[in-house]
Amino acid sequence: MLYFTLASKAYARNLQYRGAHLVHNLASALFGYMYACIWIGLGQNHSLGVYGTEGMVGYIAFTQASLWISGFVTNGLGIPQTVRTGQISFDLMRPVHLFAQLMAREWGQIAYQFVFKTIPIYLLYYFVFSLSLPDQGSTVLFAFTGLAGAAFLSICMNYIIGASALWTTESSWLYWGNHAMINLLAGFFIPIEWLPDWLEKVAWWSPYPYLLYVPTRIYLGFESVSLLWGTLFWCVVMILVCLTVTRLVRHKVEVQGG
């Protein structure tokens, strides 16, 4: 019940800024539209592999909308700010695990972004580009299962980035570095199979393909749902890392004065 309350409060807080977020939606939609137009132009003289022009437009539409679930997560889950103000000491003293409370709050924000950003942006692309939907409902279900796993992975990665603020005075470079890796290794700019062979291998040894590429390929019908086992594997690895990081954070924090 506590975690649901934290999530619902985060969701309700974002509702107060729907007008401002509409500007974000327009900017995101325009960026994706221009990106799709580039591929439409390239598709006139190139086959674009198994995707074709229509498939690449669908690929861009889904990844652009999905970024609000698996890419645009709160920087460090807000930990860097609490470290600067000293609030982190109170957060650690609460009878709730630090990772659990921050994750619950972030799930509320992700739910908001899914309803008010991901869905509207994809619906806009659906009508503008006359996109085709999956033939089977199970495909949509598996794709959104992959996106849920991607959201969890992104939460874990940002928790680790946020926790680094206890060892460094500036952790924002990690956040932007992670965002750059999402653009490259998660298959946002181009499908992973079009990367150089060595870089494609590097991508698959990381959790990044499971943030965007895997859910998108499943949604478009190009991949088997067996890839979700990779998502599950990385979720287990990440949660173990986050629990270990929390123990280190508890030993690192020092409260001086009184």
Protein backbone atom coordinates (compact mmCIF):
# COMPACT_ATOMS: atom_id res chain seq x y z
CA MET A 1 0.00 0.00 0.00
CA LEU A 2 2.86 2.37 0.83
CA TYR A 3 4.53 1.85 -2.54
CA PHE A 4 1.25 2.36 -4.37
CA THR A 5 0.77 5.63 -2.47
CA LEU A 6 4.25 6.82 -3.43
CA ALA A 7 3.59 5.97 -7.08
CA SER A 8 0.15 7.61 -7.10
CA LYS A 9 1.55 10.77 -5.50
CA ALA A 10 4.21 11.02 -8.20
CA TYR A 11 1.53 10.48 -10.85
CA ALA A 12 -0.70 13.16 -9.33
CA ARG A 13 2.19 15.63 -9.05
CA ASN A 14 2.86 15.37 -12.77
CA LEU A 15 -0.80 16.05 -13.55
CA GLN A 16 -0.23 19.63 -12.43
CA TYR A 17 2.13 20.21 -15.36
CA ARG A 18 0.14 18.76 -18.24
CA GLY A 19 0.24 22.05 -20.15
CA ALA A 20 4.03 22.27 -19.98
CA HIS A 21 4.35 18.62 -20.89
CA LEU A 22 2.31 19.23 -24.02
CA VAL A 23 5.25 21.26 -25.31
CA HIS A 24 7.52 18.26 -24.64
CA ASN A 25 5.14 16.08 -26.64
CA LEU A 26 5.16 18.44 -29.60
CA ALA A 27 8.96 18.68 -29.60
CA SER A 28 9.33 14.90 -29.31
CA ALA A 29 6.76 14.27 -32.03
CA LEU A 30 8.42 16.78 -34.39
CA PHE A 31 11.83 15.21 -33.81
CA GLY A 32 10.49 11.75 -34.58
CA TYR A 33 8.59 13.08 -37.61
CA MET A 34 11.75 14.61 -39.11
CA TYR A 35 13.69 11.44 -38.37
CA ALA A 36 11.01 9.32 -40.06
CA CYS A 37 11.03 11.63 -43.09
CA ILE A 38 14.77 11.07 -43.48
CA TRP A 39 14.19 7.31 -43.67
CA ILE A 40 11.31 7.80 -46.09
CA GLY A 41 13.71 9.71 -48.34
CA LEU A 42 16.40 7.03 -48.00
CA GLY A 43 13.84 4.34 -48.72
CA GLN A 44 13.23 5.72 -52.19
CA ASN A 45 16.64 4.48 -53.34
CA HIS A 46 17.47 1.78 -50.77
CA SER A 47 15.66 -1.35 -49.63
CA LEU A 48 16.32 -0.70 -45.89
CA GLY A 49 16.78 -4.40 -45.22
CA VAL A 50 13.95 -6.47 -43.79
CA TYR A 51 12.16 -3.35 -42.64
CA GLY A 52 11.43 -1.56 -45.86
CA THR A 53 10.32 2.05 -45.77
CA GLU A 54 7.06 1.30 -43.96
CA GLY A 55 8.82 -0.90 -41.43
CA MET A 56 11.46 1.73 -40.66
CA VAL A 57 8.80 4.37 -40.14
CA GLY A 58 7.04 2.01 -37.75
CA TYR A 59 10.37 1.35 -36.04
CA ILE A 60 11.03 5.06 -35.56
CA ALA A 61 7.49 5.73 -34.34
CA PHE A 62 7.63 2.99 -31.70
CA THR A 63 11.12 3.83 -30.42
CA GLN A 64 10.38 7.56 -30.26
CA ALA A 65 7.22 6.98 -28.24
CA SER A 66 8.92 4.37 -26.03
CA LEU A 67 11.73 6.73 -25.02
CA TRP A 68 9.36 8.27 -22.47
CA ILE A 69 9.19 4.89 -20.75
CA SER A 70 12.72 3.57 -20.94
CA GLY A 71 14.85 6.62 -21.70
CA PHE A 72 13.55 9.77 -20.06
CA VAL A 73 13.75 8.71 -16.42
CA THR A 74 14.50 11.12 -13.56
CA ASN A 75 18.21 11.90 -13.46
CA GLY A 76 19.67 9.61 -10.81
CA LEU A 77 16.14 9.13 -9.41
CA GLY A 78 16.72 12.45 -7.62
CA ILE A 79 19.53 11.10 -5.41
CA PRO A 80 22.13 13.74 -6.44
CA GLN A 81 19.84 16.49 -5.15
CA THR A 82 19.24 14.73 -1.84
CA VAL A 83 22.98 14.23 -1.42
CA ARG A 84 23.61 17.96 -1.89
CA THR A 85 20.92 18.94 0.61
CA GLY A 86 21.63 16.16 3.11
CA GLN A 87 18.13 14.72 2.67
CA ILE A 88 19.72 11.39 1.77
CA SER A 89 20.43 10.74 5.47
CA PHE A 90 16.72 11.01 6.32
CA ASP A 91 15.77 8.84 3.35
CA LEU A 92 18.10 6.13 4.60
CA MET A 93 16.67 6.31 8.13
CA ARG A 94 13.13 5.67 6.97
CA PRO A 95 11.79 2.16 7.61
CA VAL A 96 11.57 1.62 3.86
CA HIS A 97 14.38 0.42 1.62
CA LEU A 98 15.87 3.34 -0.30
CA PHE A 99 15.75 1.56 -3.64
CA ALA A 100 12.15 0.44 -3.12
CA GLN A 101 10.84 3.90 -2.23
CA LEU A 102 12.61 5.64 -5.10
CA MET A 103 11.54 2.94 -7.54
CA ALA A 104 7.90 3.22 -6.47
CA ARG A 105 7.99 6.98 -6.95
CA GLU A 106 9.56 6.60 -10.38
CA TRP A 107 6.94 4.04 -11.46
CA GLY A 108 4.33 6.73 -10.84
CA GLN A 109 6.13 9.11 -13.16
CA ILE A 110 6.61 6.44 -15.81
CA ALA A 111 2.90 5.59 -15.65
CA TYR A 112 2.11 9.28 -16.19
CA GLN A 113 4.49 9.51 -19.13
CA PHE A 114 3.03 6.37 -20.66
CA VAL A 115 -0.52 7.76 -20.52
CA PHE A 116 0.16 11.38 -21.43
CA LYS A 117 3.24 11.10 -23.64
CA THR A 118 3.87 7.65 -25.10
CA ILE A 119 0.29 6.91 -26.14
CA PRO A 120 -0.51 10.38 -27.61
CA ILE A 121 2.76 10.49 -29.57
CA TYR A 122 2.29 7.03 -31.01
CA LEU A 123 -1.36 7.74 -31.90
CA LEU A 124 -0.24 10.88 -33.73
CA TYR A 125 2.27 8.85 -35.75
CA TYR A 126 -0.35 6.18 -36.35
CA PHE A 127 -2.64 8.62 -38.14
CA VAL A 128 0.07 10.72 -39.83
CA PHE A 129 1.98 7.75 -41.28
CA SER A 130 -0.94 5.29 -41.53
CA LEU A 131 0.92 2.74 -39.44
CA SER A 132 -0.19 -0.86 -39.30
CA LEU A 133 -0.87 -2.56 -35.96
CA PRO A 134 0.21 -6.09 -34.98
CA ASP A 135 -2.12 -8.83 -36.18
CA GLN A 136 -2.25 -10.57 -32.81
CA GLY A 137 -3.03 -9.08 -29.42
CA SER A 138 -0.41 -11.33 -27.84
CA THR A 139 2.27 -9.48 -29.81
CA VAL A 140 1.22 -6.21 -28.22
CA LEU A 141 1.14 -7.87 -24.80
CA PHE A 142 4.67 -9.25 -25.16
CA ALA A 143 5.97 -5.95 -26.52
CA PHE A 144 4.59 -4.05 -23.55
CA THR A 145 5.98 -6.71 -21.22
CA GLY A 146 9.35 -5.94 -22.77
CA LEU A 147 8.74 -2.21 -22.24
CA ALA A 148 7.88 -2.81 -18.58
CA GLY A 149 11.16 -4.67 -18.20
CA ALA A 150 12.92 -1.83 -20.03
CA ALA A 151 11.44 0.71 -17.62
CA PHE A 152 12.67 -1.35 -14.66
CA LEU A 153 16.16 -1.60 -16.17
CA SER A 154 16.22 2.16 -16.71
CA ILE A 155 15.16 2.76 -13.11
CA CYS A 156 17.97 0.52 -11.87
CA MET A 157 20.56 2.17 -14.09
CA ASN A 158 19.56 5.63 -12.91
CA TYR A 159 19.59 4.48 -9.29
CA ILE A 160 23.20 3.38 -9.73
CA ILE A 161 24.02 6.70 -11.43
CA GLY A 162 22.34 8.60 -8.61
CA ALA A 163 24.19 6.64 -5.92
CA SER A 164 27.51 7.62 -7.52
CA ALA A 165 26.83 11.18 -6.26
CA LEU A 166 28.11 10.04 -2.86
CA TRP A 167 31.57 9.45 -4.35
CA THR A 168 31.74 12.33 -6.84
CA THR A 169 30.68 15.96 -6.77
CA GLU A 170 29.19 15.74 -10.26
CA SER A 171 27.26 12.73 -11.55
CA SER A 172 25.25 14.35 -14.35
CA TRP A 173 27.89 13.28 -16.90
CA LEU A 174 26.99 9.67 -16.12
CA TYR A 175 23.33 10.41 -16.81
CA TRP A 176 24.08 12.00 -20.19
CA GLY A 177 26.62 9.30 -21.00
CA ASN A 178 23.96 6.70 -20.30
CA HIS A 179 21.51 8.59 -22.50
CA ALA A 180 24.07 8.61 -25.32
CA MET A 181 24.50 4.85 -24.98
CA ILE A 182 20.72 4.44 -25.20
CA ASN A 183 20.72 6.37 -28.46
CA LEU A 184 23.51 4.21 -29.90
CA LEU A 185 23.42 0.74 -28.32
CA ALA A 186 19.67 0.50 -27.66
CA GLY A 187 18.89 0.86 -31.35
CA PHE A 188 17.31 4.30 -31.26
CA PHE A 189 19.22 5.96 -34.11
CA ILE A 190 19.56 2.81 -36.22
CA PRO A 191 18.70 -0.88 -35.69
CA ILE A 192 21.47 -2.70 -33.85
CA GLU A 193 22.11 -5.15 -36.68
CA TRP A 194 23.24 -2.21 -38.85
CA LEU A 195 26.04 -1.31 -36.43
CA PRO A 196 29.61 -2.49 -37.13
CA ASP A 197 30.02 -6.13 -36.11
CA TRP A 198 32.25 -5.36 -33.14
CA LEU A 199 29.89 -2.66 -31.85
CA GLU A 200 26.87 -4.93 -32.28
CA LYS A 201 28.60 -7.56 -30.13
CA VAL A 202 29.36 -4.93 -27.48
CA ALA A 203 25.69 -3.90 -27.51
CA TRP A 204 24.45 -7.46 -26.90
CA TRP A 205 26.84 -7.88 -23.97
CA SER A 206 25.05 -4.95 -22.29
CA PRO A 207 21.44 -4.37 -21.18
CA TYR A 208 20.92 -1.55 -23.69
CA PRO A 209 19.25 -3.55 -26.51
CA TYR A 210 16.51 -4.52 -24.05
CA LEU A 211 15.61 -0.88 -23.44
CA LEU A 212 14.29 -0.17 -26.96
CA TYR A 213 15.43 -2.58 -29.66
CA VAL A 214 13.94 -5.81 -28.28
CA PRO A 215 10.44 -4.44 -27.46
CA THR A 216 10.33 -2.68 -30.83
CA ARG A 217 11.35 -5.76 -32.81
CA ILE A 218 8.79 -7.87 -30.95
CA TYR A 219 6.08 -5.27 -31.62
CA LEU A 220 6.92 -5.19 -35.33
CA GLY A 221 6.89 -8.99 -35.49
CA PHE A 222 10.58 -9.43 -36.35
CA GLU A 223 11.66 -11.21 -33.17
CA SER A 224 10.58 -14.12 -31.01
CA VAL A 225 9.36 -13.48 -27.48
CA SER A 226 12.26 -15.66 -26.29
CA LEU A 227 14.34 -12.47 -26.20
CA LEU A 228 12.36 -11.49 -23.12
CA TRP A 229 14.46 -14.03 -21.21
CA GLY A 230 17.34 -11.64 -21.77
CA THR A 231 15.25 -8.84 -20.30
CA LEU A 232 14.51 -10.99 -17.25
CA PHE A 233 18.18 -11.88 -16.86
CA TRP A 234 19.28 -8.27 -16.84
CA CYS A 235 16.47 -7.30 -14.45
CA VAL A 236 17.76 -9.87 -11.96
CA VAL A 237 21.36 -8.70 -12.41
CA MET A 238 20.40 -5.06 -12.00
CA ILE A 239 18.35 -5.55 -8.86
CA LEU A 240 21.25 -7.43 -7.25
CA VAL A 241 23.59 -4.59 -8.18
CA CYS A 242 21.16 -2.02 -6.78
CA LEU A 243 20.85 -3.88 -3.47
CA THR A 244 24.64 -4.07 -3.23
CA VAL A 245 24.95 -0.36 -4.03
CA THR A 246 22.44 0.45 -1.29
CA ARG A 247 24.56 -1.36 1.28
CA LEU A 248 27.60 0.62 0.14
CA VAL A 249 25.62 3.87 0.35
CA ARG A 250 24.63 3.12 3.96
CA HIS A 251 28.31 2.73 4.88
CA LYS A 252 29.31 5.83 2.91
CA VAL A 253 26.86 8.36 4.37
CA GLU A 254 28.22 10.36 7.29
CA VAL A 255 26.04 12.78 9.25
CA GLN A 256 28.15 15.40 11.00
CA GLY A 257 27.08 18.11 13.38
CA GLY A 258 23.90 18.06 15.43
